[in-house]
């Protein structure tokens, strides 16, 4: 395996860690880290897209190829959807910036702020599904990194135990962090009067900058602070833990649920296809 692939694999892990840290605006210095790290990720993302624009066009065109297997077409669709979603998150994040670009003023900044948050939770699932579809490749890379050449019974047992533990813990985090509630807001971003945003006050503009900041803090707290960590309310303000490991554990466990489900669904589908091919060959 080429060394460049190891580097890419390492960068993917680093970007994944940074991405889940974005779900808590107080971690590692607060909103400043959220926006500055976000800009760095944005620059990396758009540079990657531009350098691989030919590949992006090929992947997009493959969606219209009827001869492609369903799994390949699904992978292409996910790649395009991730590209669009990530671009939207980055652009909307810049438009509602409070630290890096505080002077940007748009007419419907409330919609962009809520959409930025809601789509981020959707992308978390899309990334997890993408990882699940490529899990065999990931495991092969890890085996090469740690020089594992033969199956290890104890390792297989630990993997099964970890799978069950992640499903239980991740499922708990999904419900305790109101993850489902955030996903229910996805249809609502296309309708400013939707009940997903709890009324028109989410889109009413305050008459002064102080009101704007209080409203933004309140909404950001409601949607990003519920990360499964313990917090408490004092008055109208919500205090939460800012432990990066806690945030990483919470959102990686949520991702692991969708990774595991995707992996096993793909495994079942592959077995059915092979069984159908074997049956046809015998006939």
Protein backbone atom coordinates (compact mmCIF):
# COMPACT_ATOMS: atom_id res chain seq x y z
CA UNK A 1 0.00 0.00 0.00
CA UNK A 2 1.33 3.46 -0.94
CA UNK A 3 2.50 5.76 1.85
CA UNK A 4 0.27 8.50 0.43
CA UNK A 5 -2.77 6.35 1.25
CA UNK A 6 -1.65 6.11 4.87
CA UNK A 7 -1.32 9.89 4.96
CA UNK A 8 -4.80 10.32 3.47
CA UNK A 9 -6.20 7.84 6.00
CA UNK A 10 -4.60 9.77 8.86
CA UNK A 11 -5.94 13.09 7.53
CA UNK A 12 -9.43 11.59 7.24
CA UNK A 13 -9.31 10.61 10.92
CA UNK A 14 -8.10 14.07 11.97
CA UNK A 15 -10.84 15.77 9.95
CA UNK A 16 -13.45 13.42 11.42
CA UNK A 17 -12.34 14.30 14.96
CA UNK A 18 -12.45 18.03 14.22
CA UNK A 19 -15.86 17.66 12.59
CA UNK A 20 -17.48 16.05 15.65
CA UNK A 21 -15.92 18.73 17.89
CA UNK A 22 -17.91 21.30 15.91
CA UNK A 23 -21.07 20.00 17.57
CA UNK A 24 -20.11 21.73 20.82
CA UNK A 25 -19.38 25.43 20.39
CA UNK A 26 -17.67 25.79 23.77
CA UNK A 27 -15.02 23.14 23.25
CA UNK A 28 -11.34 24.16 22.84
CA UNK A 29 -11.82 27.88 23.28
CA UNK A 30 -15.42 28.27 22.22
CA UNK A 31 -16.89 29.81 19.10
CA UNK A 32 -13.47 31.07 17.94
CA UNK A 33 -12.22 27.48 17.54
CA UNK A 34 -15.49 26.49 15.86
CA UNK A 35 -15.14 29.18 13.20
CA UNK A 36 -11.36 29.22 12.70
CA UNK A 37 -11.11 25.42 12.49
CA UNK A 38 -14.18 25.50 10.24
CA UNK A 39 -12.43 27.90 7.86
CA UNK A 40 -9.38 25.62 7.80
CA UNK A 41 -11.55 22.60 7.01
CA UNK A 42 -13.39 24.65 4.35
CA UNK A 43 -10.12 25.62 2.66
CA UNK A 44 -8.99 21.98 2.68
CA UNK A 45 -12.36 20.78 1.39
CA UNK A 46 -12.63 23.20 -1.53
CA UNK A 47 -8.96 22.66 -2.47
CA UNK A 48 -9.60 18.91 -2.53
CA UNK A 49 -12.68 19.40 -4.72
CA UNK A 50 -10.85 21.66 -7.19
CA UNK A 51 -7.89 19.29 -7.45
CA UNK A 52 -10.24 16.39 -8.10
CA UNK A 53 -12.84 18.19 -10.21
CA UNK A 54 -12.51 15.69 -13.07
CA UNK A 55 -13.26 12.86 -10.65
CA UNK A 56 -16.25 14.80 -9.25
CA UNK A 57 -17.73 15.14 -12.74
CA UNK A 58 -17.20 11.43 -13.47
CA UNK A 59 -18.88 10.42 -10.21
CA UNK A 60 -21.84 12.71 -10.95
CA UNK A 61 -22.28 11.28 -14.44
CA UNK A 62 -22.18 7.71 -13.10
CA UNK A 63 -25.50 8.37 -11.36
CA UNK A 64 -27.15 8.22 -14.80
CA UNK A 65 -25.45 4.96 -15.85
CA UNK A 66 -28.10 2.22 -15.73
CA UNK A 67 -25.52 -0.55 -16.01
CA UNK A 68 -23.80 0.25 -12.72
CA UNK A 69 -24.45 -2.03 -9.70
CA UNK A 70 -26.72 -0.55 -7.05
CA UNK A 71 -23.94 -0.33 -4.44
CA UNK A 72 -21.69 1.60 -6.81
CA UNK A 73 -24.52 3.95 -7.74
CA UNK A 74 -25.39 4.42 -4.05
CA UNK A 75 -21.76 5.28 -3.31
CA UNK A 76 -21.74 7.84 -6.12
CA UNK A 77 -25.00 9.36 -4.90
CA UNK A 78 -23.61 9.62 -1.36
CA UNK A 79 -20.46 11.33 -2.63
CA UNK A 80 -22.46 13.94 -4.54
CA UNK A 81 -24.84 14.49 -1.61
CA UNK A 82 -21.90 14.87 0.78
CA UNK A 83 -20.28 17.35 -1.58
CA UNK A 84 -23.43 19.50 -1.76
CA UNK A 85 -24.15 19.25 1.97
CA UNK A 86 -20.60 20.09 3.04
CA UNK A 87 -20.51 23.04 0.66
CA UNK A 88 -23.79 24.33 2.13
CA UNK A 89 -22.56 23.92 5.73
CA UNK A 90 -19.36 25.83 4.94
CA UNK A 91 -21.07 28.67 3.06
CA UNK A 92 -23.89 29.04 5.60
CA UNK A 93 -21.32 28.98 8.43
CA UNK A 94 -19.46 31.89 6.83
CA UNK A 95 -22.70 33.84 6.36
CA UNK A 96 -23.66 33.55 10.06
CA UNK A 97 -20.11 33.97 11.40
CA UNK A 98 -19.79 35.96 14.64
CA UNK A 99 -15.98 35.87 15.04
CA UNK A 100 -14.11 35.53 11.73
CA UNK A 101 -16.59 37.43 9.53
CA UNK A 102 -18.69 39.48 12.00
CA UNK A 103 -19.58 42.19 9.47
CA UNK A 104 -21.41 39.93 7.03
CA UNK A 105 -25.10 40.84 7.11
CA UNK A 106 -27.64 38.90 5.06
CA UNK A 107 -31.38 39.24 4.94
CA UNK A 108 -32.33 35.76 6.12
CA UNK A 109 -29.49 34.94 8.52
CA UNK A 110 -31.85 33.08 10.90
CA UNK A 111 -32.72 30.56 8.20
CA UNK A 112 -29.05 30.06 7.36
CA UNK A 113 -28.16 29.60 11.03
CA UNK A 114 -30.84 26.97 11.65
CA UNK A 115 -30.08 25.25 8.34
CA UNK A 116 -26.36 25.21 9.17
CA UNK A 117 -27.09 23.35 12.40
CA UNK A 118 -29.72 20.98 11.03
CA UNK A 119 -27.82 19.93 7.90
CA UNK A 120 -24.75 19.25 10.06
CA UNK A 121 -26.63 16.47 11.86
CA UNK A 122 -27.71 15.03 8.51
CA UNK A 123 -24.11 15.05 7.28
CA UNK A 124 -23.09 13.12 10.39
CA UNK A 125 -25.30 10.26 9.17
CA UNK A 126 -24.13 10.56 5.55
CA UNK A 127 -20.50 10.31 6.64
CA UNK A 128 -21.34 7.29 8.81
CA UNK A 129 -23.09 5.53 5.90
CA UNK A 130 -20.11 6.32 3.66
CA UNK A 131 -17.75 4.77 6.24
CA UNK A 132 -20.02 1.74 6.63
CA UNK A 133 -19.94 1.05 2.89
CA UNK A 134 -16.13 1.18 2.93
CA UNK A 135 -15.60 -0.59 6.25
CA UNK A 136 -13.83 -3.60 4.71
CA UNK A 137 -11.29 -1.26 3.11
CA UNK A 138 -10.77 0.53 6.42
CA UNK A 139 -10.20 -2.76 8.24
CA UNK A 140 -7.69 -3.85 5.58
CA UNK A 141 -5.77 -0.59 6.05
CA UNK A 142 -5.71 -1.08 9.82
CA UNK A 143 -4.51 -4.67 9.41
CA UNK A 144 -1.63 -3.47 7.25
CA UNK A 145 -0.76 -0.69 9.69
CA UNK A 146 -0.61 -3.12 12.62
CA UNK A 147 0.81 -5.99 10.50
CA UNK A 148 -2.09 -8.36 11.18
CA UNK A 149 -1.79 -11.16 8.60
CA UNK A 150 -3.86 -13.96 10.09
CA UNK A 151 -7.26 -14.00 11.84
CA UNK A 152 -6.96 -13.68 15.62
CA UNK A 153 -9.81 -15.40 17.54
CA UNK A 154 -9.49 -13.04 20.51
CA UNK A 155 -9.53 -10.02 18.21
CA UNK A 156 -12.73 -11.23 16.52
CA UNK A 157 -14.35 -11.72 19.92
CA UNK A 158 -13.35 -8.21 20.99
CA UNK A 159 -14.77 -6.77 17.76
CA UNK A 160 -18.13 -8.46 18.39
CA UNK A 161 -18.20 -7.19 21.97
CA UNK A 162 -17.28 -3.68 20.83
CA UNK A 163 -20.01 -3.77 18.18
CA UNK A 164 -22.71 -4.57 20.73
CA UNK A 165 -21.33 -2.00 23.19
CA UNK A 166 -21.26 0.72 20.53
CA UNK A 167 -24.82 -0.06 19.43
CA UNK A 168 -26.07 0.21 23.02
CA UNK A 169 -24.06 3.31 23.95
CA UNK A 170 -24.63 4.99 20.59
CA UNK A 171 -28.36 4.30 20.73
CA UNK A 172 -28.49 5.83 24.19
CA UNK A 173 -26.64 8.93 22.97
CA UNK A 174 -28.99 9.31 20.01
CA UNK A 175 -31.99 9.63 22.32
CA UNK A 176 -30.32 11.44 25.23
CA UNK A 177 -28.89 14.12 22.93
CA UNK A 178 -32.19 14.64 21.06
CA UNK A 179 -30.45 13.64 17.85
CA UNK A 180 -33.74 12.54 16.28
CA UNK A 181 -35.30 15.92 17.05
CA UNK A 182 -32.50 17.64 15.13
CA UNK A 183 -33.07 15.38 12.13
CA UNK A 184 -36.78 16.17 12.17
CA UNK A 185 -35.79 19.75 11.43
CA UNK A 186 -34.42 18.84 7.98
CA UNK A 187 -37.79 19.15 6.14
CA UNK A 188 -38.49 22.34 8.08
CA UNK A 189 -35.56 24.28 6.66
CA UNK A 190 -37.47 24.52 3.38
CA UNK A 191 -40.43 26.14 5.11
CA UNK A 192 -39.74 29.17 7.32
CA UNK A 193 -43.13 28.79 9.02
CA UNK A 194 -42.54 25.12 9.91
CA UNK A 195 -43.21 23.97 13.44
CA UNK A 196 -39.76 22.36 13.41
CA UNK A 197 -38.43 25.83 14.20
CA UNK A 198 -41.15 26.44 16.77
CA UNK A 199 -42.84 29.39 15.22
CA UNK A 200 -42.07 32.59 13.41
CA UNK A 201 -39.94 33.99 16.23
CA UNK A 202 -37.06 31.96 14.85
CA UNK A 203 -37.10 34.07 11.74
CA UNK A 204 -38.01 37.44 13.17
CA UNK A 205 -35.16 39.91 13.11
CA UNK A 206 -34.18 41.73 16.29
CA UNK A 207 -33.84 45.48 16.18
CA UNK A 208 -30.42 45.62 17.86
CA UNK A 209 -27.15 43.69 17.73
CA UNK A 210 -27.36 42.70 21.41
CA UNK A 211 -30.69 41.00 20.77
CA UNK A 212 -29.18 39.24 17.77
CA UNK A 213 -26.34 37.84 19.83
CA UNK A 214 -28.61 36.64 22.64
CA UNK A 215 -30.93 34.96 20.15
CA UNK A 216 -28.01 33.29 18.35
CA UNK A 217 -26.49 32.06 21.61
CA UNK A 218 -29.86 30.67 22.72
CA UNK A 219 -30.44 28.77 19.48
CA UNK A 220 -26.88 27.50 19.25
CA UNK A 221 -27.08 26.26 22.83
CA UNK A 222 -30.37 24.46 22.20
CA UNK A 223 -29.18 22.63 19.12
CA UNK A 224 -25.51 21.96 19.84
CA UNK A 225 -25.23 21.81 23.60
CA UNK A 226 -27.26 18.61 23.94
CA UNK A 227 -24.35 16.28 23.25
CA UNK A 228 -25.05 13.68 25.88
CA UNK A 229 -22.81 15.31 28.48
CA UNK A 230 -24.10 16.44 31.83
CA UNK A 231 -25.05 20.04 32.17
CA UNK A 232 -27.34 22.16 34.23
CA UNK A 233 -29.53 25.19 33.79
CA UNK A 234 -29.00 28.34 35.78
CA UNK A 235 -31.61 30.91 34.94
CA UNK A 236 -32.00 31.05 31.16
CA UNK A 237 -28.46 29.92 30.37
CA UNK A 238 -27.39 26.34 29.76
CA UNK A 239 -24.00 25.21 31.13
CA UNK A 240 -22.35 22.13 29.69
CA UNK A 241 -19.14 20.18 29.92
CA UNK A 242 -16.42 21.29 27.51
CA UNK A 243 -14.40 18.07 27.68
CA UNK A 244 -13.29 17.32 24.09
CA UNK A 245 -13.07 13.59 24.80
CA UNK A 246 -16.68 13.60 25.96
CA UNK A 247 -17.84 15.32 22.78
CA UNK A 248 -15.78 12.97 20.60
CA UNK A 249 -17.12 9.93 22.45
CA UNK A 250 -20.72 11.10 22.15
CA UNK A 251 -20.78 11.80 18.42
CA UNK A 252 -18.48 8.98 17.35
CA UNK A 253 -20.76 6.56 19.21
CA UNK A 254 -23.75 8.03 17.34
CA UNK A 255 -21.90 7.63 14.05
CA UNK A 256 -20.94 4.06 14.97
CA UNK A 257 -24.62 3.05 15.13
CA UNK A 258 -25.16 4.06 11.50
CA UNK A 259 -21.79 2.62 10.46
CA UNK A 260 -22.63 -0.78 11.96
CA UNK A 261 -26.17 -0.82 10.50
CA UNK A 262 -24.87 0.13 7.04
CA UNK A 263 -22.07 -2.45 7.17
CA UNK A 264 -24.37 -5.34 8.08
CA UNK A 265 -27.08 -4.32 5.60
CA UNK A 266 -24.44 -4.24 2.88
CA UNK A 267 -23.13 -7.61 4.05
CA UNK A 268 -26.62 -9.15 3.88
CA UNK A 269 -27.23 -7.66 0.42
CA UNK A 270 -23.88 -9.00 -0.82
CA UNK A 271 -24.70 -12.52 0.41
CA UNK A 272 -28.08 -12.42 -1.32
CA UNK A 273 -26.48 -11.33 -4.60
CA UNK A 274 -23.90 -14.11 -4.40
CA UNK A 275 -26.59 -16.64 -3.56
CA UNK A 276 -28.64 -15.51 -6.56
CA UNK A 277 -25.58 -15.78 -8.84
CA UNK A 278 -24.74 -19.28 -7.54
CA UNK A 279 -28.35 -20.40 -8.03
CA UNK A 280 -28.35 -19.07 -11.58
CA UNK A 281 -25.05 -20.81 -12.34
CA UNK A 282 -26.41 -24.17 -11.15
CA UNK A 283 -29.46 -23.80 -13.37
